[in-house]
Amino acid sequence: MLNLLLLLGLVIYSETSTISVSGEKGGSVTLSCEFEDNEISDISLNNGSEVITVCQTEECSGRVFKQGNCDVVFKNLSFSDAGTYFLHVYYHNDQTELERQIRTYQLHIHDDISVKTGEELKLDVLLSNADKVQHQSRRNTEWTEVWSRTDGVQSERITIRDRNLIINEFTARDAGTYRVLDPDEEILITVTVTESKEKLDDTDKDKTDDTKYRCYWIVIVIVVLVLLALIVTAVILHTRLHRGYSCGVAPGGKEELSTGDPEALRAHTDVCRGPGGA
């Protein structure tokens, strides 16, 4: 009956402006129809070139299902879900005439990834409706084009493989935000790319280890120098003490001592004189 009415042109419809909807890759998003009429007879969803199958309940096995009166939910979002959607809601008015409400949605998918320095940055963003890819670095507000459907890649480090935009040997300058635009300059995908913390932590660890080893060597050198200084000081003191201290026999003492005379012994006894005649 619905198809017959459509063919006869008896369906009255109204169209609203485009509604922007954003969802995270792997998450869920709802296309809210904001239509409370209880006499809804049918809904349909398409992206302009393809009719999207919408399950009637959340328990369906599909990723797209109807929720409530006419809301449509996408779950387990992927980049390929990005684009423009048209939701057609058919309902009967008070005069039982079949009317159609059209809701237009621009679905934008965003994601955050981390890449190690020197590795490959792979962006699965070259959709059939992608027109260009732009990059904004962390320290710049301007957008730089890295790929376009008309001009291709803009750098020798960038290659295309299996719908992936690949940046070889990732550096800090490649970090930032990448966005994908359709021919109408609508944003399809946004990817925020950061340097891997694991790589930075490894670097910091290496620096810490180097610092520890350097400190150990400094301590060893200081200890050796202190020991050498103590040894040198002891030798100098010992030399000076012996240089100012002598021990001997008074002149002629040997002959007089040989007689055994007590007076001679007292007069010519061995004398040890230190500094100052002590």
C-alpha atoms as a PDB file:
ATOM      1  CA  MET A   1       0.000   0.000   0.000  1.00  0.00           C
ATOM      2  CA  LEU A   2       2.881   2.331   0.871  1.00  0.00           C
ATOM      3  CA  ASN A   3       4.572   1.745  -2.467  1.00  0.00           C
ATOM      4  CA  LEU A   4       1.275   2.377  -4.258  1.00  0.00           C
ATOM      5  CA  LEU A   5       0.784   5.680  -2.482  1.00  0.00           C
ATOM      6  CA  LEU A   6       4.328   6.705  -3.355  1.00  0.00           C
ATOM      7  CA  LEU A   7       3.746   5.931  -7.005  1.00  0.00           C
ATOM      8  CA  LEU A   8       0.509   7.917  -7.034  1.00  0.00           C
ATOM      9  CA  GLY A   9       2.273  10.872  -5.465  1.00  0.00           C
ATOM     10  CA  LEU A  10      -0.067  11.016  -2.507  1.00  0.00           C
ATOM     11  CA  VAL A  11       2.667  11.341   0.049  1.00  0.00           C
ATOM     12  CA  ILE A  12       3.191  14.772   1.571  1.00  0.00           C
ATOM     13  CA  TYR A  13       6.708  15.357   2.937  1.00  0.00           C
ATOM     14  CA  SER A  14       8.768  17.973   4.670  1.00  0.00           C
ATOM     15  CA  GLU A  15      12.554  18.245   4.960  1.00  0.00           C
ATOM     16  CA  THR A  16      14.688  19.772   7.686  1.00  0.00           C
ATOM     17  CA  SER A  17      18.255  21.066   7.729  1.00  0.00           C
ATOM     18  CA  THR A  18      21.260  18.768   8.152  1.00  0.00           C
ATOM     19  CA  ILE A  19      21.909  17.478  11.668  1.00  0.00           C
ATOM     20  CA  SER A  20      25.552  16.935  12.641  1.00  0.00           C
ATOM     21  CA  VAL A  21      26.215  13.758  14.614  1.00  0.00           C
ATOM     22  CA  SER A  22      29.580  12.624  15.946  1.00  0.00           C
ATOM     23  CA  GLY A  23      30.627   9.212  17.208  1.00  0.00           C
ATOM     24  CA  GLU A  24      33.830   7.491  18.310  1.00  0.00           C
ATOM     25  CA  LYS A  25      35.244   4.622  16.298  1.00  0.00           C
ATOM     26  CA  GLY A  26      34.151   1.360  17.906  1.00  0.00           C
ATOM     27  CA  GLY A  27      31.377   3.105  19.868  1.00  0.00           C
ATOM     28  CA  SER A  28      27.719   3.834  19.204  1.00  0.00           C
ATOM     29  CA  VAL A  29      25.737   6.804  17.933  1.00  0.00           C
ATOM     30  CA  THR A  30      22.043   7.631  17.614  1.00  0.00           C
ATOM     31  CA  LEU A  31      20.316   9.369  14.724  1.00  0.00           C
ATOM     32  CA  SER A  32      17.479  10.948  16.650  1.00  0.00           C
ATOM     33  CA  CYS A  33      14.356  11.583  14.574  1.00  0.00           C
ATOM     34  CA  GLU A  34      12.693  13.747  17.293  1.00  0.00           C
ATOM     35  CA  PHE A  35       9.289  12.771  15.966  1.00  0.00           C
ATOM     36  CA  GLU A  36       6.643  11.776  18.509  1.00  0.00           C
ATOM     37  CA  ASP A  37       3.746  10.802  16.267  1.00  0.00           C
ATOM     38  CA  ASN A  38       2.369   7.400  17.256  1.00  0.00           C
ATOM     39  CA  GLU A  39       0.996   6.672  13.794  1.00  0.00           C
ATOM     40  CA  ILE A  40       4.366   5.984  12.182  1.00  0.00           C
ATOM     41  CA  SER A  41       3.924   3.306   9.583  1.00  0.00           C
ATOM     42  CA  ASP A  42       7.476   2.875   8.365  1.00  0.00           C
ATOM     43  CA  ILE A  43      11.013   4.285   8.316  1.00  0.00           C
ATOM     44  CA  SER A  44      13.824   3.885   5.820  1.00  0.00           C
ATOM     45  CA  LEU A  45      17.455   4.955   5.842  1.00  0.00           C
ATOM     46  CA  ASN A  46      19.855   5.533   2.974  1.00  0.00           C
ATOM     47  CA  ASN A  47      23.131   7.287   2.308  1.00  0.00           C
ATOM     48  CA  GLY A  48      22.204   8.577  -1.099  1.00  0.00           C
ATOM     49  CA  SER A  49      23.420   5.567  -3.058  1.00  0.00           C
ATOM     50  CA  GLU A  50      22.516   2.630  -0.849  1.00  0.00           C
ATOM     51  CA  VAL A  51      19.552   1.620   1.289  1.00  0.00           C
ATOM     52  CA  ILE A  52      20.664   0.768   4.829  1.00  0.00           C
ATOM     53  CA  THR A  53      18.979  -2.215   6.457  1.00  0.00           C
ATOM     54  CA  VAL A  54      17.520  -1.171   9.808  1.00  0.00           C
ATOM     55  CA  CYS A  55      16.607  -3.896  12.305  1.00  0.00           C
ATOM     56  CA  GLN A  56      13.328  -3.265  14.107  1.00  0.00           C
ATOM     57  CA  THR A  57      14.679  -4.085  17.575  1.00  0.00           C
ATOM     58  CA  GLU A  58      17.988  -3.857  19.418  1.00  0.00           C
ATOM     59  CA  GLU A  59      18.107  -7.645  19.683  1.00  0.00           C
ATOM     60  CA  CYS A  60      18.701  -7.939  15.938  1.00  0.00           C
ATOM     61  CA  SER A  61      22.066  -9.252  14.787  1.00  0.00           C
ATOM     62  CA  GLY A  62      22.757  -6.200  12.608  1.00  0.00           C
ATOM     63  CA  ARG A  63      24.756  -3.128  13.616  1.00  0.00           C
ATOM     64  CA  VAL A  64      21.930  -0.701  12.734  1.00  0.00           C
ATOM     65  CA  PHE A  65      18.602  -0.918  14.554  1.00  0.00           C
ATOM     66  CA  LYS A  66      15.538   1.126  15.427  1.00  0.00           C
ATOM     67  CA  GLN A  67      15.148   2.393  18.963  1.00  0.00           C
ATOM     68  CA  GLY A  68      11.960   3.889  20.415  1.00  0.00           C
ATOM     69  CA  ASN A  69       9.563   5.519  17.972  1.00  0.00           C
ATOM     70  CA  CYS A  70      11.907   6.093  15.045  1.00  0.00           C
ATOM     71  CA  ASP A  71      15.466   6.707  16.287  1.00  0.00           C
ATOM     72  CA  VAL A  72      18.190   4.782  14.484  1.00  0.00           C
ATOM     73  CA  VAL A  73      21.247   3.499  16.359  1.00  0.00           C
ATOM     74  CA  PHE A  74      24.616   2.580  14.853  1.00  0.00           C
ATOM     75  CA  LYS A  75      26.819   0.388  17.037  1.00  0.00           C
ATOM     76  CA  ASN A  76      30.454  -0.688  16.632  1.00  0.00           C
ATOM     77  CA  LEU A  77      31.150   2.321  14.438  1.00  0.00           C
ATOM     78  CA  SER A  78      33.819   2.169  11.749  1.00  0.00           C
ATOM     79  CA  PHE A  79      35.294   4.875   9.526  1.00  0.00           C
ATOM     80  CA  SER A  80      33.236   3.547   6.607  1.00  0.00           C
ATOM     81  CA  ASP A  81      30.059   4.615   8.447  1.00  0.00           C
ATOM     82  CA  ALA A  82      30.978   8.292   8.032  1.00  0.00           C
ATOM     83  CA  GLY A  83      28.889  10.281   5.559  1.00  0.00           C
ATOM     84  CA  THR A  84      25.471  11.725   4.868  1.00  0.00           C
ATOM     85  CA  TYR A  85      22.298   9.812   5.757  1.00  0.00           C
ATOM     86  CA  PHE A  86      18.654  10.416   4.945  1.00  0.00           C
ATOM     87  CA  LEU A  87      16.028   9.082   7.332  1.00  0.00           C
ATOM     88  CA  HIS A  88      12.520   8.862   5.883  1.00  0.00           C
ATOM     89  CA  VAL A  89       9.717   8.634   8.420  1.00  0.00           C
ATOM     90  CA  TYR A  90       6.241   7.772   7.083  1.00  0.00           C
ATOM     91  CA  TYR A  91       3.204   8.459   9.244  1.00  0.00           C
ATOM     92  CA  HIS A  92      -0.544   9.179   9.036  1.00  0.00           C
ATOM     93  CA  ASN A  93      -1.798  12.643   9.927  1.00  0.00           C
ATOM     94  CA  ASP A  94      -5.160  13.535  11.491  1.00  0.00           C
ATOM     95  CA  GLN A  95      -6.808  13.259   8.091  1.00  0.00           C
ATOM     96  CA  THR A  96      -5.239   9.799   7.703  1.00  0.00           C
ATOM     97  CA  GLU A  97      -3.133  11.087   4.849  1.00  0.00           C
ATOM     98  CA  LEU A  98       0.300   9.536   4.583  1.00  0.00           C
ATOM     99  CA  GLU A  99       3.030  12.065   5.202  1.00  0.00           C
ATOM    100  CA  ARG A 100       6.789  11.807   5.144  1.00  0.00           C
ATOM    101  CA  GLN A 101       9.357  13.516   7.313  1.00  0.00           C
ATOM    102  CA  ILE A 102      12.952  13.561   6.057  1.00  0.00           C
ATOM    103  CA  ARG A 103      15.837  13.947   8.445  1.00  0.00           C
ATOM    104  CA  THR A 104      19.317  14.548   7.018  1.00  0.00           C
ATOM    105  CA  TYR A 105      22.369  13.631   9.113  1.00  0.00           C
ATOM    106  CA  GLN A 106      26.052  14.216   8.632  1.00  0.00           C
ATOM    107  CA  LEU A 107      27.787  11.429  10.561  1.00  0.00           C
ATOM    108  CA  HIS A 108      31.346  12.215  11.644  1.00  0.00           C
ATOM    109  CA  ILE A 109      33.629   9.528  13.099  1.00  0.00           C
ATOM    110  CA  HIS A 110      36.590  10.400  15.320  1.00  0.00           C
ATOM    111  CA  ASP A 111      39.437   8.356  16.769  1.00  0.00           C
ATOM    112  CA  ASP A 112      42.654   8.723  18.811  1.00  0.00           C
ATOM    113  CA  ILE A 113      45.753   6.684  18.034  1.00  0.00           C
ATOM    114  CA  SER A 114      49.367   6.580  19.245  1.00  0.00           C
ATOM    115  CA  VAL A 115      52.365   5.758  17.046  1.00  0.00           C
ATOM    116  CA  LYS A 116      55.992   5.030  17.912  1.00  0.00           C
ATOM    117  CA  THR A 117      58.665   7.185  16.321  1.00  0.00           C
ATOM    118  CA  GLY A 118      60.085   5.521  13.214  1.00  0.00           C
ATOM    119  CA  GLU A 119      57.095   3.236  12.709  1.00  0.00           C
ATOM    120  CA  GLU A 120      54.355   3.341  10.077  1.00  0.00           C
ATOM    121  CA  LEU A 121      51.313   5.580  10.532  1.00  0.00           C
ATOM    122  CA  LYS A 122      48.390   3.849   8.817  1.00  0.00           C
ATOM    123  CA  LEU A 123      45.100   5.726   8.381  1.00  0.00           C
ATOM    124  CA  ASP A 124      42.184   3.730   6.971  1.00  0.00           C
ATOM    125  CA  VAL A 125      40.406   6.875   5.785  1.00  0.00           C
ATOM    126  CA  LEU A 126      40.293   6.865   1.979  1.00  0.00           C
ATOM    127  CA  LEU A 127      36.563   6.226   1.671  1.00  0.00           C
ATOM    128  CA  SER A 128      34.759   6.273  -1.656  1.00  0.00           C
ATOM    129  CA  ASN A 129      33.314   9.683  -0.755  1.00  0.00           C
ATOM    130  CA  ALA A 130      36.615  11.088   0.598  1.00  0.00           C
ATOM    131  CA  ASP A 131      37.866  14.049  -1.405  1.00  0.00           C
ATOM    132  CA  LYS A 132      40.894  15.219   0.579  1.00  0.00           C
ATOM    133  CA  VAL A 133      42.897  14.624   3.739  1.00  0.00           C
ATOM    134  CA  GLN A 134      44.337  17.525   5.726  1.00  0.00           C
ATOM    135  CA  HIS A 135      46.803  17.681   8.620  1.00  0.00           C
ATOM    136  CA  GLN A 136      47.088  20.164  11.461  1.00  0.00           C
ATOM    137  CA  SER A 137      50.209  19.932  13.615  1.00  0.00           C
ATOM    138  CA  ARG A 138      50.144  20.500  17.374  1.00  0.00           C
ATOM    139  CA  ARG A 139      51.855  23.888  17.057  1.00  0.00           C
ATOM    140  CA  ASN A 140      49.997  25.226  14.038  1.00  0.00           C
ATOM    141  CA  THR A 141      46.411  26.310  13.461  1.00  0.00           C
ATOM    142  CA  GLU A 142      46.600  25.974   9.691  1.00  0.00           C
ATOM    143  CA  TRP A 143      45.531  22.869   7.787  1.00  0.00           C
ATOM    144  CA  THR A 144      47.959  21.361   5.283  1.00  0.00           C
ATOM    145  CA  GLU A 145      46.716  19.091   2.521  1.00  0.00           C
ATOM    146  CA  VAL A 146      48.467  15.713   2.477  1.00  0.00           C
ATOM    147  CA  TRP A 147      46.234  13.965  -0.076  1.00  0.00           C
ATOM    148  CA  SER A 148      43.470  14.836  -2.505  1.00  0.00           C
ATOM    149  CA  ARG A 149      41.549  12.780  -5.042  1.00  0.00           C
ATOM    150  CA  THR A 150      42.667  15.084  -7.851  1.00  0.00           C
ATOM    151  CA  ASP A 151      46.339  15.603  -6.911  1.00  0.00           C
ATOM    152  CA  GLY A 152      47.190  12.461  -4.957  1.00  0.00           C
ATOM    153  CA  VAL A 153      49.763  12.431  -2.139  1.00  0.00           C
ATOM    154  CA  GLN A 154      51.778  15.541  -1.294  1.00  0.00           C
ATOM    155  CA  SER A 155      54.905  13.902   0.148  1.00  0.00           C
ATOM    156  CA  GLU A 156      57.377  11.201  -0.874  1.00  0.00           C
ATOM    157  CA  ARG A 157      56.953   9.598   2.552  1.00  0.00           C
ATOM    158  CA  ILE A 158      53.236   9.009   1.950  1.00  0.00           C
ATOM    159  CA  THR A 159      51.920   5.973   0.091  1.00  0.00           C
ATOM    160  CA  ILE A 160      48.469   4.533  -0.657  1.00  0.00           C
ATOM    161  CA  ARG A 161      47.669   0.868  -0.032  1.00  0.00           C
ATOM    162  CA  ASP A 162      44.292  -0.881   0.312  1.00  0.00           C
ATOM    163  CA  ARG A 163      42.389   2.340   1.040  1.00  0.00           C
ATOM    164  CA  ASN A 164      44.994   3.226   3.668  1.00  0.00           C
ATOM    165  CA  LEU A 165      46.924   6.475   3.753  1.00  0.00           C
ATOM    166  CA  ILE A 166      50.368   5.434   5.028  1.00  0.00           C
ATOM    167  CA  ILE A 167      53.039   7.789   6.378  1.00  0.00           C
ATOM    168  CA  ASN A 168      56.405   6.044   6.556  1.00  0.00           C
ATOM    169  CA  GLU A 169      58.874   6.552   9.422  1.00  0.00           C
ATOM    170  CA  PHE A 170      56.632   8.527  11.749  1.00  0.00           C
ATOM    171  CA  THR A 171      58.226  11.596  13.370  1.00  0.00           C
ATOM    172  CA  ALA A 172      57.068  14.161  15.933  1.00  0.00           C
ATOM    173  CA  ARG A 173      56.147  16.516  13.079  1.00  0.00           C
ATOM    174  CA  ASP A 174      53.590  13.964  11.830  1.00  0.00           C
ATOM    175  CA  ALA A 175      51.671  14.108  15.114  1.00  0.00           C
ATOM    176  CA  GLY A 176      48.544  16.238  15.345  1.00  0.00           C
ATOM    177  CA  THR A 177      45.074  16.008  13.817  1.00  0.00           C
ATOM    178  CA  TYR A 178      44.076  14.532  10.459  1.00  0.00           C
ATOM    179  CA  ARG A 179      40.663  15.195   8.963  1.00  0.00           C
ATOM    180  CA  VAL A 180      38.931  13.774   5.914  1.00  0.00           C
ATOM    181  CA  LEU A 181      36.576  15.963   3.883  1.00  0.00           C
ATOM    182  CA  ASP A 182      33.965  15.010   1.303  1.00  0.00           C
ATOM    183  CA  PRO A 183      33.463  16.961  -1.970  1.00  0.00           C
ATOM    184  CA  ASP A 184      31.136  19.376  -0.129  1.00  0.00           C
ATOM    185  CA  GLU A 185      33.844  20.147   2.478  1.00  0.00           C
ATOM    186  CA  GLU A 186      31.904  18.263   5.144  1.00  0.00           C
ATOM    187  CA  ILE A 187      34.078  16.509   7.721  1.00  0.00           C
ATOM    188  CA  LEU A 188      33.840  12.720   7.518  1.00  0.00           C
ATOM    189  CA  ILE A 189      36.641  11.557   9.810  1.00  0.00           C
ATOM    190  CA  THR A 190      38.951  13.109  12.393  1.00  0.00           C
ATOM    191  CA  VAL A 191      41.972  11.238  13.753  1.00  0.00           C
ATOM    192  CA  THR A 192      44.151  12.641  16.540  1.00  0.00           C
ATOM    193  CA  VAL A 193      47.672  11.166  16.388  1.00  0.00           C
ATOM    194  CA  THR A 194      50.171  11.354  19.257  1.00  0.00           C
ATOM    195  CA  GLU A 195      53.662   9.984  19.825  1.00  0.00           C
ATOM    196  CA  SER A 196      53.661   6.699  21.683  1.00  0.00           C
ATOM    197  CA  LYS A 197      54.289   7.086  25.422  1.00  0.00           C
ATOM    198  CA  GLU A 198      56.064   3.717  25.422  1.00  0.00           C
ATOM    199  CA  LYS A 199      58.762   5.067  23.123  1.00  0.00           C
ATOM    200  CA  LEU A 200      59.176   8.183  25.228  1.00  0.00           C
ATOM    201  CA  ASP A 201      59.379   6.131  28.417  1.00  0.00           C
ATOM    202  CA  ASP A 202      62.119   3.924  26.939  1.00  0.00           C
ATOM    203  CA  THR A 203      64.111   7.011  26.045  1.00  0.00           C
ATOM    204  CA  ASP A 204      63.683   8.458  29.511  1.00  0.00           C
ATOM    205  CA  LYS A 205      64.750   5.138  31.018  1.00  0.00           C
ATOM    206  CA  ASP A 206      67.907   5.067  28.917  1.00  0.00           C
ATOM    207  CA  LYS A 207      68.704   8.614  29.989  1.00  0.00           C
ATOM    208  CA  THR A 208      68.162   7.674  33.638  1.00  0.00           C
ATOM    209  CA  ASP A 209      70.445   4.634  33.342  1.00  0.00           C
ATOM    210  CA  ASP A 210      73.167   6.737  31.702  1.00  0.00           C
ATOM    211  CA  THR A 211      72.895   9.267  34.524  1.00  0.00           C
ATOM    212  CA  LYS A 212      73.241   6.514  37.146  1.00  0.00           C
ATOM    213  CA  TYR A 213      76.347   5.080  35.503  1.00  0.00           C
ATOM    214  CA  ARG A 214      77.839   8.550  35.197  1.00  0.00           C
ATOM    215  CA  CYS A 215      77.226   9.204  38.905  1.00  0.00           C
ATOM    216  CA  TYR A 216      78.874   5.877  39.847  1.00  0.00           C
ATOM    217  CA  TRP A 217      82.020   6.757  37.933  1.00  0.00           C
ATOM    218  CA  ILE A 218      82.156  10.234  39.456  1.00  0.00           C
ATOM    219  CA  VAL A 219      81.942   8.745  42.981  1.00  0.00           C
ATOM    220  CA  ILE A 220      84.703   6.225  42.194  1.00  0.00           C
ATOM    221  CA  VAL A 221      86.986   8.931  40.801  1.00  0.00           C
ATOM    222  CA  ILE A 222      86.404  11.140  43.867  1.00  0.00           C
ATOM    223  CA  VAL A 223      87.192   8.255  46.252  1.00  0.00           C
ATOM    224  CA  VAL A 224      90.414   7.430  44.374  1.00  0.00           C
ATOM    225  CA  LEU A 225      91.509  11.073  44.410  1.00  0.00           C
ATOM    226  CA  VAL A 226      90.824  11.358  48.143  1.00  0.00           C
ATOM    227  CA  LEU A 227      92.865   8.198  48.838  1.00  0.00           C
ATOM    228  CA  LEU A 228      95.741   9.472  46.710  1.00  0.00           C
ATOM    229  CA  ALA A 229      95.650  12.807  48.541  1.00  0.00           C
ATOM    230  CA  LEU A 230      95.785  11.039  51.912  1.00  0.00           C
ATOM    231  CA  ILE A 231      98.715   8.856  50.812  1.00  0.00           C
ATOM    232  CA  VAL A 232     100.657  11.841  49.459  1.00  0.00           C
ATOM    233  CA  THR A 233      99.992  13.825  52.657  1.00  0.00           C
ATOM    234  CA  ALA A 234     101.193  10.935  54.835  1.00  0.00           C
ATOM    235  CA  VAL A 235     104.401  10.564  52.825  1.00  0.00           C
ATOM    236  CA  ILE A 236     105.150  14.304  53.053  1.00  0.00           C
ATOM    237  CA  LEU A 237     104.576  14.383  56.810  1.00  0.00           C
ATOM    238  CA  HIS A 238     106.723  11.312  57.337  1.00  0.00           C
ATOM    239  CA  THR A 239     109.572  12.795  55.277  1.00  0.00           C
ATOM    240  CA  ARG A 240     109.479  16.125  57.105  1.00  0.00           C
ATOM    241  CA  LEU A 241     109.525  14.422  60.532  1.00  0.00           C
ATOM    242  CA  HIS A 242     112.603  12.338  59.677  1.00  0.00           C
ATOM    243  CA  ARG A 243     114.343  15.302  58.061  1.00  0.00           C
ATOM    244  CA  GLY A 244     114.169  17.298  61.369  1.00  0.00           C
ATOM    245  CA  TYR A 245     115.010  14.334  63.667  1.00  0.00           C
ATOM    246  CA  SER A 246     118.512  12.707  63.960  1.00  0.00           C
ATOM    247  CA  CYS A 247     120.029  10.081  66.214  1.00  0.00           C
ATOM    248  CA  GLY A 248     123.777   9.381  66.599  1.00  0.00           C
ATOM    249  CA  VAL A 249     126.891   9.067  68.885  1.00  0.00           C
ATOM    250  CA  ALA A 250     128.805  12.125  70.125  1.00  0.00           C
ATOM    251  CA  PRO A 251     132.292  12.743  68.671  1.00  0.00           C
ATOM    252  CA  GLY A 252     134.892  10.392  70.219  1.00  0.00           C
ATOM    253  CA  GLY A 253     132.166   8.529  71.933  1.00  0.00           C
ATOM    254  CA  LYS A 254     133.085   5.164  70.509  1.00  0.00           C
ATOM    255  CA  GLU A 255     136.573   5.049  72.189  1.00  0.00           C
ATOM    256  CA  GLU A 256     135.358   6.315  75.557  1.00  0.00           C
ATOM    257  CA  LEU A 257     132.419   3.986  75.502  1.00  0.00           C
ATOM    258  CA  SER A 258     134.721   1.060  74.945  1.00  0.00           C
ATOM    259  CA  THR A 259     136.504   1.754  78.311  1.00  0.00           C
ATOM    260  CA  GLY A 260     133.326   1.272  80.227  1.00  0.00           C
ATOM    261  CA  ASP A 261     133.775   4.507  82.135  1.00  0.00           C
ATOM    262  CA  PRO A 262     130.385   5.583  83.596  1.00  0.00           C
ATOM    263  CA  GLU A 263     131.232   9.230  83.131  1.00  0.00           C
ATOM    264  CA  ALA A 264     132.046   8.626  79.530  1.00  0.00           C
ATOM    265  CA  LEU A 265     128.817   6.786  79.126  1.00  0.00           C
ATOM    266  CA  ARG A 266     126.921   9.730  80.531  1.00  0.00           C
ATOM    267  CA  ALA A 267     128.884  12.292  78.523  1.00  0.00           C
ATOM    268  CA  HIS A 268     128.903  10.472  75.267  1.00  0.00           C
ATOM    269  CA  THR A 269     125.702   8.546  75.386  1.00  0.00           C
ATOM    270  CA  ASP A 270     123.664   8.152  72.241  1.00  0.00           C
ATOM    271  CA  VAL A 271     121.840  11.365  71.678  1.00  0.00           C
ATOM    272  CA  CYS A 272     118.656  11.765  69.726  1.00  0.00           C
ATOM    273  CA  ARG A 273     117.999  15.353  68.872  1.00  0.00           C
ATOM    274  CA  GLY A 274     114.845  16.535  67.258  1.00  0.00           C
ATOM    275  CA  PRO A 275     114.025  20.037  66.039  1.00  0.00           C
ATOM    276  CA  GLY A 276     115.015  22.659  68.603  1.00  0.00           C
ATOM    277  CA  GLY A 277     117.680  20.387  70.181  1.00  0.00           C
ATOM    278  CA  ALA A 278     115.140  18.184  71.960  1.00  0.00           C
END
